[in-house]
Amino acid sequence: MVIQTSAVAGTLESSDAQVTVEPGEGTLEIDIQSSVLHQYGKQILATVREVLSRLEVSDAKVSVVDMGALDCTIKARVECAVFRGCGISDNYPWGGALR
């Protein structure tokens, strides 16, 4: 999937995560901010990478501000932000890549 425009999903509320995607500059850049970065940073990064890989996103800037979200919440926020960034505004194909 190709990120066409900047998009955001999620909130900065407790137990949530705010994910922002933007068109990349030829690479995949992931920035994570979290109060539990030292404990769970590797897992958060792995979760974000897994979703981006499944959706075939390889050129984007992704920013995650984690407020203690569970993996399932992070996955949903990344998917939603990517879909919005690709111009998909309804009937999200949750859990899978577009075919």
PDB file of N, CA and C in Angstrom:
ATOM      1  N   MET A   1       0.847  -1.173   0.000  1.00  0.00           N
ATOM      2  CA  MET A   1       0.000   0.000   0.000  1.00  0.00           C
ATOM      3  C   MET A   1       0.890   1.233   0.000  1.00  0.00           C
ATOM      4  N   VAL A   2       0.445   2.262  -0.661  1.00  0.00           N
ATOM      5  CA  VAL A   2       1.207   3.498  -0.765  1.00  0.00           C
ATOM      6  C   VAL A   2       0.514   4.584   0.045  1.00  0.00           C
ATOM      7  N   ILE A   3       1.234   5.160   0.988  1.00  0.00           N
ATOM      8  CA  ILE A   3       0.694   6.255   1.799  1.00  0.00           C
ATOM      9  C   ILE A   3       0.691   7.506   0.934  1.00  0.00           C
ATOM     10  N   GLN A   4      -0.488   8.071   0.722  1.00  0.00           N
ATOM     11  CA  GLN A   4      -0.643   9.231  -0.146  1.00  0.00           C
ATOM     12  C   GLN A   4      -0.690  10.545   0.614  1.00  0.00           C
ATOM     13  N   THR A   5      -1.180  10.493   1.840  1.00  0.00           N
ATOM     14  CA  THR A   5      -1.363  11.709   2.626  1.00  0.00           C
ATOM     15  C   THR A   5      -1.166  11.396   4.103  1.00  0.00           C
ATOM     16  N   SER A   6      -0.955  12.422   4.896  1.00  0.00           N
ATOM     17  CA  SER A   6      -0.829  12.242   6.344  1.00  0.00           C
ATOM     18  C   SER A   6      -2.163  11.811   6.930  1.00  0.00           C
ATOM     19  N   ALA A   7      -2.109  10.926   7.910  1.00  0.00           N
ATOM     20  CA  ALA A   7      -3.334  10.458   8.554  1.00  0.00           C
ATOM     21  C   ALA A   7      -3.031  10.082   9.999  1.00  0.00           C
ATOM     22  N   VAL A   8      -4.053  10.191  10.841  1.00  0.00           N
ATOM     23  CA  VAL A   8      -3.922   9.909  12.272  1.00  0.00           C
ATOM     24  C   VAL A   8      -5.039   8.966  12.700  1.00  0.00           C
ATOM     25  N   ALA A   9      -4.712   8.070  13.625  1.00  0.00           N
ATOM     26  CA  ALA A   9      -5.722   7.213  14.253  1.00  0.00           C
ATOM     27  C   ALA A   9      -5.383   7.103  15.731  1.00  0.00           C
ATOM     28  N   GLY A  10      -6.396   7.084  16.558  1.00  0.00           N
ATOM     29  CA  GLY A  10      -6.197   6.931  17.993  1.00  0.00           C
ATOM     30  C   GLY A  10      -6.220   8.245  18.743  1.00  0.00           C
ATOM     31  N   THR A  11      -6.046   8.119  20.068  1.00  0.00           N
ATOM     32  CA  THR A  11      -6.089   9.289  20.942  1.00  0.00           C
ATOM     33  C   THR A  11      -4.899   9.245  21.894  1.00  0.00           C
ATOM     34  N   LEU A  12      -4.789  10.269  22.690  1.00  0.00           N
ATOM     35  CA  LEU A  12      -3.751  10.330  23.709  1.00  0.00           C
ATOM     36  C   LEU A  12      -4.321  10.005  25.095  1.00  0.00           C
ATOM     37  N   GLU A  13      -5.453   9.314  25.105  1.00  0.00           N
ATOM     38  CA  GLU A  13      -6.069   8.881  26.359  1.00  0.00           C
ATOM     39  C   GLU A  13      -5.285   7.704  26.937  1.00  0.00           C
ATOM     40  N   SER A  14      -5.435   7.465  28.200  1.00  0.00           N
ATOM     41  CA  SER A  14      -4.795   6.336  28.852  1.00  0.00           C
ATOM     42  C   SER A  14      -5.228   5.027  28.200  1.00  0.00           C
ATOM     43  N   SER A  15      -4.319   4.094  28.047  1.00  0.00           N
ATOM     44  CA  SER A  15      -4.543   2.773  27.446  1.00  0.00           C
ATOM     45  C   SER A  15      -4.828   2.830  25.953  1.00  0.00           C
ATOM     46  N   ASP A  16      -4.447   3.911  25.290  1.00  0.00           N
ATOM     47  CA  ASP A  16      -4.632   4.050  23.842  1.00  0.00           C
ATOM     48  C   ASP A  16      -3.287   4.410  23.222  1.00  0.00           C
ATOM     49  N   ALA A  17      -3.274   4.554  21.930  1.00  0.00           N
ATOM     50  CA  ALA A  17      -2.083   4.986  21.213  1.00  0.00           C
ATOM     51  C   ALA A  17      -2.523   5.864  20.057  1.00  0.00           C
ATOM     52  N   GLN A  18      -1.753   6.887  19.770  1.00  0.00           N
ATOM     53  CA  GLN A  18      -2.026   7.744  18.613  1.00  0.00           C
ATOM     54  C   GLN A  18      -0.958   7.445  17.566  1.00  0.00           C
ATOM     55  N   VAL A  19      -1.411   7.024  16.395  1.00  0.00           N
ATOM     56  CA  VAL A  19      -0.505   6.659  15.310  1.00  0.00           C
ATOM     57  C   VAL A  19      -0.689   7.642  14.168  1.00  0.00           C
ATOM     58  N   THR A  20       0.422   8.189  13.691  1.00  0.00           N
ATOM     59  CA  THR A  20       0.422   9.108  12.555  1.00  0.00           C
ATOM     60  C   THR A  20       1.260   8.485  11.448  1.00  0.00           C
ATOM     61  N   VAL A  21       0.739   8.494  10.230  1.00  0.00           N
ATOM     62  CA  VAL A  21       1.505   8.040   9.069  1.00  0.00           C
ATOM     63  C   VAL A  21       1.609   9.182   8.072  1.00  0.00           C
ATOM     64  N   GLU A  22       2.727   9.242   7.404  1.00  0.00           N
ATOM     65  CA  GLU A  22       2.976  10.249   6.375  1.00  0.00           C
ATOM     66  C   GLU A  22       3.709   9.578   5.227  1.00  0.00           C
ATOM     67  N   PRO A  23       3.607  10.147   4.029  1.00  0.00           N
ATOM     68  CA  PRO A  23       4.394   9.595   2.916  1.00  0.00           C
ATOM     69  C   PRO A  23       5.877   9.616   3.276  1.00  0.00           C
ATOM     70  N   GLY A  24       6.573   8.584   2.878  1.00  0.00           N
ATOM     71  CA  GLY A  24       7.990   8.462   3.206  1.00  0.00           C
ATOM     72  C   GLY A  24       8.887   9.085   2.161  1.00  0.00           C
ATOM     73  N   GLU A  25      10.169   8.949   2.399  1.00  0.00           N
ATOM     74  CA  GLU A  25      11.180   9.473   1.485  1.00  0.00           C
ATOM     75  C   GLU A  25      12.019   8.327   0.943  1.00  0.00           C
ATOM     76  N   GLY A  26      11.355   7.211   0.632  1.00  0.00           N
ATOM     77  CA  GLY A  26      12.042   6.058   0.089  1.00  0.00           C
ATOM     78  C   GLY A  26      12.378   4.991   1.102  1.00  0.00           C
ATOM     79  N   THR A  27      12.105   5.256   2.374  1.00  0.00           N
ATOM     80  CA  THR A  27      12.382   4.280   3.426  1.00  0.00           C
ATOM     81  C   THR A  27      11.227   4.243   4.419  1.00  0.00           C
ATOM     82  N   LEU A  28      11.312   3.290   5.310  1.00  0.00           N
ATOM     83  CA  LEU A  28      10.330   3.175   6.377  1.00  0.00           C
ATOM     84  C   LEU A  28      10.961   3.695   7.659  1.00  0.00           C
ATOM     85  N   GLU A  29      10.400   4.764   8.211  1.00  0.00           N
ATOM     86  CA  GLU A  29      10.885   5.351   9.454  1.00  0.00           C
ATOM     87  C   GLU A  29       9.813   5.187  10.517  1.00  0.00           C
ATOM     88  N   ILE A  30      10.198   4.639  11.664  1.00  0.00           N
ATOM     89  CA  ILE A  30       9.252   4.430  12.754  1.00  0.00           C
ATOM     90  C   ILE A  30       9.790   5.103  14.005  1.00  0.00           C
ATOM     91  N   ASP A  31       8.984   6.000  14.579  1.00  0.00           N
ATOM     92  CA  ASP A  31       9.344   6.697  15.815  1.00  0.00           C
ATOM     93  C   ASP A  31       8.321   6.317  16.878  1.00  0.00           C
ATOM     94  N   ILE A  32       8.803   5.869  18.024  1.00  0.00           N
ATOM     95  CA  ILE A  32       7.914   5.460  19.104  1.00  0.00           C
ATOM     96  C   ILE A  32       8.219   6.260  20.357  1.00  0.00           C
ATOM     97  N   GLN A  33       7.176   6.831  20.937  1.00  0.00           N
ATOM     98  CA  GLN A  33       7.272   7.508  22.222  1.00  0.00           C
ATOM     99  C   GLN A  33       6.329   6.773  23.175  1.00  0.00           C
ATOM    100  N   SER A  34       6.843   6.395  24.335  1.00  0.00           N
ATOM    101  CA  SER A  34       6.028   5.655  25.281  1.00  0.00           C
ATOM    102  C   SER A  34       6.623   5.778  26.681  1.00  0.00           C
ATOM    103  N   SER A  35       5.745   5.837  27.661  1.00  0.00           N
ATOM    104  CA  SER A  35       6.216   5.870  29.044  1.00  0.00           C
ATOM    105  C   SER A  35       6.750   4.508  29.471  1.00  0.00           C
ATOM    106  N   VAL A  36       6.445   3.468  28.702  1.00  0.00           N
ATOM    107  CA  VAL A  36       6.925   2.120  29.008  1.00  0.00           C
ATOM    108  C   VAL A  36       7.889   1.628  27.924  1.00  0.00           C
ATOM    109  N   LEU A  37       8.567   2.565  27.288  1.00  0.00           N
ATOM    110  CA  LEU A  37       9.471   2.230  26.185  1.00  0.00           C
ATOM    111  C   LEU A  37      10.568   1.259  26.623  1.00  0.00           C
ATOM    112  N   HIS A  38      11.122   1.462  27.811  1.00  0.00           N
ATOM    113  CA  HIS A  38      12.210   0.599  28.274  1.00  0.00           C
ATOM    114  C   HIS A  38      11.733  -0.836  28.518  1.00  0.00           C
ATOM    115  N   GLN A  39      10.491  -0.994  28.955  1.00  0.00           N
ATOM    116  CA  GLN A  39       9.970  -2.328  29.225  1.00  0.00           C
ATOM    117  C   GLN A  39       9.401  -2.998  27.974  1.00  0.00           C
ATOM    118  N   TYR A  40       8.693  -2.245  27.141  1.00  0.00           N
ATOM    119  CA  TYR A  40       7.937  -2.836  26.041  1.00  0.00           C
ATOM    120  C   TYR A  40       8.269  -2.269  24.665  1.00  0.00           C
ATOM    121  N   GLY A  41       9.302  -1.468  24.557  1.00  0.00           N
ATOM    122  CA  GLY A  41       9.640  -0.828  23.290  1.00  0.00           C
ATOM    123  C   GLY A  41       9.867  -1.800  22.146  1.00  0.00           C
ATOM    124  N   LYS A  42      10.592  -2.894  22.422  1.00  0.00           N
ATOM    125  CA  LYS A  42      10.849  -3.890  21.372  1.00  0.00           C
ATOM    126  C   LYS A  42       9.561  -4.540  20.896  1.00  0.00           C
ATOM    127  N   GLN A  43       8.650  -4.822  21.817  1.00  0.00           N
ATOM    128  CA  GLN A  43       7.378  -5.437  21.450  1.00  0.00           C
ATOM    129  C   GLN A  43       6.504  -4.466  20.660  1.00  0.00           C
ATOM    130  N   ILE A  44       6.477  -3.207  21.058  1.00  0.00           N
ATOM    131  CA  ILE A  44       5.697  -2.203  20.333  1.00  0.00           C
ATOM    132  C   ILE A  44       6.239  -2.081  18.910  1.00  0.00           C
ATOM    133  N   LEU A  45       7.553  -1.983  18.766  1.00  0.00           N
ATOM    134  CA  LEU A  45       8.169  -1.883  17.444  1.00  0.00           C
ATOM    135  C   LEU A  45       7.866  -3.117  16.600  1.00  0.00           C
ATOM    136  N   ALA A  46       7.950  -4.296  17.184  1.00  0.00           N
ATOM    137  CA  ALA A  46       7.657  -5.532  16.453  1.00  0.00           C
ATOM    138  C   ALA A  46       6.205  -5.567  15.990  1.00  0.00           C
ATOM    139  N   THR A  47       5.299  -5.102  16.833  1.00  0.00           N
ATOM    140  CA  THR A  47       3.873  -5.065  16.479  1.00  0.00           C
ATOM    141  C   THR A  47       3.635  -4.117  15.313  1.00  0.00           C
ATOM    142  N   VAL A  48       4.221  -2.928  15.369  1.00  0.00           N
ATOM    143  CA  VAL A  48       4.062  -1.946  14.294  1.00  0.00           C
ATOM    144  C   VAL A  48       4.644  -2.499  12.998  1.00  0.00           C
ATOM    145  N   ARG A  49       5.837  -3.065  13.057  1.00  0.00           N
ATOM    146  CA  ARG A  49       6.484  -3.633  11.862  1.00  0.00           C
ATOM    147  C   ARG A  49       5.655  -4.772  11.267  1.00  0.00           C
ATOM    148  N   GLU A  50       5.071  -5.606  12.129  1.00  0.00           N
ATOM    149  CA  GLU A  50       4.264  -6.723  11.643  1.00  0.00           C
ATOM    150  C   GLU A  50       3.066  -6.228  10.833  1.00  0.00           C
ATOM    151  N   VAL A  51       2.359  -5.233  11.354  1.00  0.00           N
ATOM    152  CA  VAL A  51       1.189  -4.705  10.655  1.00  0.00           C
ATOM    153  C   VAL A  51       1.607  -4.037   9.342  1.00  0.00           C
ATOM    154  N   LEU A  52       2.663  -3.243   9.380  1.00  0.00           N
ATOM    155  CA  LEU A  52       3.127  -2.580   8.153  1.00  0.00           C
ATOM    156  C   LEU A  52       3.567  -3.603   7.107  1.00  0.00           C
ATOM    157  N   SER A  53       4.216  -4.651   7.539  1.00  0.00           N
ATOM    158  CA  SER A  53       4.644  -5.704   6.620  1.00  0.00           C
ATOM    159  C   SER A  53       3.441  -6.407   5.997  1.00  0.00           C
ATOM    160  N   ARG A  54       2.452  -6.748   6.824  1.00  0.00           N
ATOM    161  CA  ARG A  54       1.247  -7.423   6.333  1.00  0.00           C
ATOM    162  C   ARG A  54       0.498  -6.570   5.326  1.00  0.00           C
ATOM    163  N   LEU A  55       0.506  -5.253   5.542  1.00  0.00           N
ATOM    164  CA  LEU A  55      -0.185  -4.337   4.635  1.00  0.00           C
ATOM    165  C   LEU A  55       0.710  -3.887   3.482  1.00  0.00           C
ATOM    166  N   GLU A  56       1.928  -4.410   3.445  1.00  0.00           N
ATOM    167  CA  GLU A  56       2.883  -4.123   2.375  1.00  0.00           C
ATOM    168  C   GLU A  56       3.208  -2.636   2.270  1.00  0.00           C
ATOM    169  N   VAL A  57       3.430  -2.018   3.430  1.00  0.00           N
ATOM    170  CA  VAL A  57       3.854  -0.620   3.497  1.00  0.00           C
ATOM    171  C   VAL A  57       5.361  -0.620   3.706  1.00  0.00           C
ATOM    172  N   SER A  58       6.098  -0.040   2.749  1.00  0.00           N
ATOM    173  CA  SER A  58       7.558  -0.030   2.869  1.00  0.00           C
ATOM    174  C   SER A  58       8.149   1.368   2.723  1.00  0.00           C
ATOM    175  N   ASP A  59       7.303   2.356   2.470  1.00  0.00           N
ATOM    176  CA  ASP A  59       7.773   3.728   2.286  1.00  0.00           C
ATOM    177  C   ASP A  59       6.844   4.667   3.049  1.00  0.00           C
ATOM    178  N   ALA A  60       7.207   4.965   4.297  1.00  0.00           N
ATOM    179  CA  ALA A  60       6.348   5.816   5.124  1.00  0.00           C
ATOM    180  C   ALA A  60       7.106   6.291   6.350  1.00  0.00           C
ATOM    181  N   LYS A  61       6.599   7.375   6.920  1.00  0.00           N
ATOM    182  CA  LYS A  61       7.039   7.832   8.234  1.00  0.00           C
ATOM    183  C   LYS A  61       5.897   7.501   9.186  1.00  0.00           C
ATOM    184  N   VAL A  62       6.209   6.752  10.229  1.00  0.00           N
ATOM    185  CA  VAL A  62       5.189   6.327  11.180  1.00  0.00           C
ATOM    186  C   VAL A  62       5.611   6.799  12.565  1.00  0.00           C
ATOM    187  N   SER A  63       4.692   7.466  13.238  1.00  0.00           N
ATOM    188  CA  SER A  63       4.940   7.946  14.587  1.00  0.00           C
ATOM    189  C   SER A  63       3.892   7.340  15.516  1.00  0.00           C
ATOM    190  N   VAL A  64       4.354   6.749  16.611  1.00  0.00           N
ATOM    191  CA  VAL A  64       3.456   6.142  17.582  1.00  0.00           C
ATOM    192  C   VAL A  64       3.681   6.816  18.933  1.00  0.00           C
ATOM    193  N   VAL A  65       2.613   7.339  19.499  1.00  0.00           N
ATOM    194  CA  VAL A  65       2.654   7.867  20.859  1.00  0.00           C
ATOM    195  C   VAL A  65       1.792   6.925  21.690  1.00  0.00           C
ATOM    196  N   ASP A  66       2.461   6.072  22.447  1.00  0.00           N
ATOM    197  CA  ASP A  66       1.783   5.032  23.216  1.00  0.00           C
ATOM    198  C   ASP A  66       1.463   5.520  24.617  1.00  0.00           C
ATOM    199  N   MET A  67       0.247   5.266  25.039  1.00  0.00           N
ATOM    200  CA  MET A  67      -0.190   5.642  26.379  1.00  0.00           C
ATOM    201  C   MET A  67      -0.571   4.403  27.178  1.00  0.00           C
ATOM    202  N   GLY A  68       0.172   3.300  26.933  1.00  0.00           N
ATOM    203  CA  GLY A  68      -0.095   2.055  27.642  1.00  0.00           C
ATOM    204  C   GLY A  68      -1.074   1.154  26.929  1.00  0.00           C
ATOM    205  N   ALA A  69      -1.109   1.231  25.607  1.00  0.00           N
ATOM    206  CA  ALA A  69      -2.048   0.435  24.820  1.00  0.00           C
ATOM    207  C   ALA A  69      -1.616  -1.027  24.736  1.00  0.00           C
ATOM    208  N   LEU A  70      -2.593  -1.903  24.627  1.00  0.00           N
ATOM    209  CA  LEU A  70      -2.337  -3.312  24.378  1.00  0.00           C
ATOM    210  C   LEU A  70      -1.947  -3.498  22.918  1.00  0.00           C
ATOM    211  N   ASP A  71      -1.332  -4.646  22.607  1.00  0.00           N
ATOM    212  CA  ASP A  71      -0.919  -4.929  21.225  1.00  0.00           C
ATOM    213  C   ASP A  71      -2.087  -4.843  20.242  1.00  0.00           C
ATOM    214  N   CYS A  72      -3.244  -5.370  20.627  1.00  0.00           N
ATOM    215  CA  CYS A  72      -4.393  -5.358  19.723  1.00  0.00           C
ATOM    216  C   CYS A  72      -4.823  -3.931  19.400  1.00  0.00           C
ATOM    217  N   THR A  73      -4.699  -3.035  20.349  1.00  0.00           N
ATOM    218  CA  THR A  73      -5.041  -1.632  20.125  1.00  0.00           C
ATOM    219  C   THR A  73      -4.027  -0.989  19.184  1.00  0.00           C
ATOM    220  N   ILE A  74      -2.748  -1.269  19.396  1.00  0.00           N
ATOM    221  CA  ILE A  74      -1.709  -0.719  18.525  1.00  0.00           C
ATOM    222  C   ILE A  74      -1.912  -1.214  17.097  1.00  0.00           C
ATOM    223  N   LYS A  75      -2.215  -2.505  16.934  1.00  0.00           N
ATOM    224  CA  LYS A  75      -2.463  -3.060  15.600  1.00  0.00           C
ATOM    225  C   LYS A  75      -3.621  -2.346  14.918  1.00  0.00           C
ATOM    226  N   ALA A  76      -4.710  -2.159  15.627  1.00  0.00           N
ATOM    227  CA  ALA A  76      -5.887  -1.498  15.053  1.00  0.00           C
ATOM    228  C   ALA A  76      -5.579  -0.052  14.687  1.00  0.00           C
ATOM    229  N   ARG A  77      -4.834   0.651  15.525  1.00  0.00           N
ATOM    230  CA  ARG A  77      -4.499   2.052  15.241  1.00  0.00           C
ATOM    231  C   ARG A  77      -3.590   2.172  14.022  1.00  0.00           C
ATOM    232  N   VAL A  78      -2.602   1.275  13.910  1.00  0.00           N
ATOM    233  CA  VAL A  78      -1.697   1.314  12.749  1.00  0.00           C
ATOM    234  C   VAL A  78      -2.486   1.009  11.477  1.00  0.00           C
ATOM    235  N   GLU A  79      -3.323  -0.037  11.508  1.00  0.00           N
ATOM    236  CA  GLU A  79      -4.133  -0.369  10.333  1.00  0.00           C
ATOM    237  C   GLU A  79      -4.995   0.811   9.912  1.00  0.00           C
ATOM    238  N   CYS A  80      -5.699   1.406  10.861  1.00  0.00           N
ATOM    239  CA  CYS A  80      -6.603   2.512  10.559  1.00  0.00           C
ATOM    240  C   CYS A  80      -5.852   3.695   9.969  1.00  0.00           C
ATOM    241  N   ALA A  81      -4.725   4.058  10.557  1.00  0.00           N
ATOM    242  CA  ALA A  81      -3.938   5.186  10.046  1.00  0.00           C
ATOM    243  C   ALA A  81      -3.451   4.900   8.627  1.00  0.00           C
ATOM    244  N   VAL A  82      -3.003   3.678   8.367  1.00  0.00           N
ATOM    245  CA  VAL A  82      -2.549   3.322   7.015  1.00  0.00           C
ATOM    246  C   VAL A  82      -3.708   3.405   6.026  1.00  0.00           C
ATOM    247  N   PHE A  83      -4.854   2.828   6.374  1.00  0.00           N
ATOM    248  CA  PHE A  83      -6.006   2.879   5.472  1.00  0.00           C
ATOM    249  C   PHE A  83      -6.402   4.322   5.173  1.00  0.00           C
ATOM    250  N   ARG A  84      -6.438   5.158   6.194  1.00  0.00           N
ATOM    251  CA  ARG A  84      -6.771   6.566   5.984  1.00  0.00           C
ATOM    252  C   ARG A  84      -5.723   7.253   5.117  1.00  0.00           C
ATOM    253  N   GLY A  85      -4.449   6.948   5.346  1.00  0.00           N
ATOM    254  CA  GLY A  85      -3.361   7.545   4.569  1.00  0.00           C
ATOM    255  C   GLY A  85      -3.370   7.113   3.112  1.00  0.00           C
ATOM    256  N   CYS A  86      -4.009   5.965   2.836  1.00  0.00           N
ATOM    257  CA  CYS A  86      -4.123   5.469   1.461  1.00  0.00           C
ATOM    258  C   CYS A  86      -5.417   5.925   0.800  1.00  0.00           C
ATOM    259  N   GLY A  87      -6.212   6.695   1.515  1.00  0.00           N
ATOM    260  CA  GLY A  87      -7.449   7.228   0.936  1.00  0.00           C
ATOM    261  C   GLY A  87      -8.667   6.356   1.130  1.00  0.00           C
ATOM    262  N   ILE A  88      -8.551   5.313   1.939  1.00  0.00           N
ATOM    263  CA  ILE A  88      -9.704   4.453   2.221  1.00  0.00           C
ATOM    264  C   ILE A  88     -10.448   5.073   3.399  1.00  0.00           C
ATOM    265  N   SER A  89     -11.714   5.430   3.190  1.00  0.00           N
ATOM    266  CA  SER A  89     -12.434   6.136   4.237  1.00  0.00           C
ATOM    267  C   SER A  89     -13.579   5.333   4.856  1.00  0.00           C
ATOM    268  N   ASP A  90     -13.943   4.215   4.259  1.00  0.00           N
ATOM    269  CA  ASP A  90     -14.965   3.371   4.863  1.00  0.00           C
ATOM    270  C   ASP A  90     -14.775   1.935   4.388  1.00  0.00           C
ATOM    271  N   ASN A  91     -15.490   1.020   4.999  1.00  0.00           N
ATOM    272  CA  ASN A  91     -15.359  -0.407   4.700  1.00  0.00           C
ATOM    273  C   ASN A  91     -13.911  -0.879   4.809  1.00  0.00           C
ATOM    274  N   TYR A  92     -13.283  -0.537   5.927  1.00  0.00           N
ATOM    275  CA  TYR A  92     -11.894  -0.943   6.160  1.00  0.00           C
ATOM    276  C   TYR A  92     -11.771  -2.462   6.096  1.00  0.00           C
ATOM    277  N   PRO A  93     -10.783  -2.985   5.402  1.00  0.00           N
ATOM    278  CA  PRO A  93     -10.559  -4.438   5.369  1.00  0.00           C
ATOM    279  C   PRO A  93      -9.756  -4.886   6.590  1.00  0.00           C
ATOM    280  N   TRP A  94     -10.337  -4.791   7.789  1.00  0.00           N
ATOM    281  CA  TRP A  94      -9.625  -5.072   9.030  1.00  0.00           C
ATOM    282  C   TRP A  94      -8.952  -6.433   8.997  1.00  0.00           C
ATOM    283  N   GLY A  95      -7.730  -6.463   9.483  1.00  0.00           N
ATOM    284  CA  GLY A  95      -7.028  -7.720   9.657  1.00  0.00           C
ATOM    285  C   GLY A  95      -6.361  -8.288   8.427  1.00  0.00           C
ATOM    286  N   GLY A  96      -6.409  -7.598   7.306  1.00  0.00           N
ATOM    287  CA  GLY A  96      -5.777  -8.155   6.108  1.00  0.00           C
ATOM    288  C   GLY A  96      -5.414  -7.109   5.088  1.00  0.00           C
ATOM    289  N   ALA A  97      -4.565  -7.485   4.175  1.00  0.00           N
ATOM    290  CA  ALA A  97      -4.148  -6.585   3.100  1.00  0.00           C
ATOM    291  C   ALA A  97      -5.211  -6.528   2.030  1.00  0.00           C
ATOM    292  N   LEU A  98      -5.240  -5.456   1.327  1.00  0.00           N
ATOM    293  CA  LEU A  98      -6.142  -5.324   0.198  1.00  0.00           C
ATOM    294  C   LEU A  98      -5.682  -6.250  -0.914  1.00  0.00           C
ATOM    295  N   ARG A  99      -6.594  -6.868  -1.565  1.00  0.00           N
ATOM    296  CA  ARG A  99      -6.253  -7.772  -2.675  1.00  0.00           C
ATOM    297  C   ARG A  99      -6.843  -7.233  -3.954  1.00  0.00           C
TER     298      ARG A  99
END
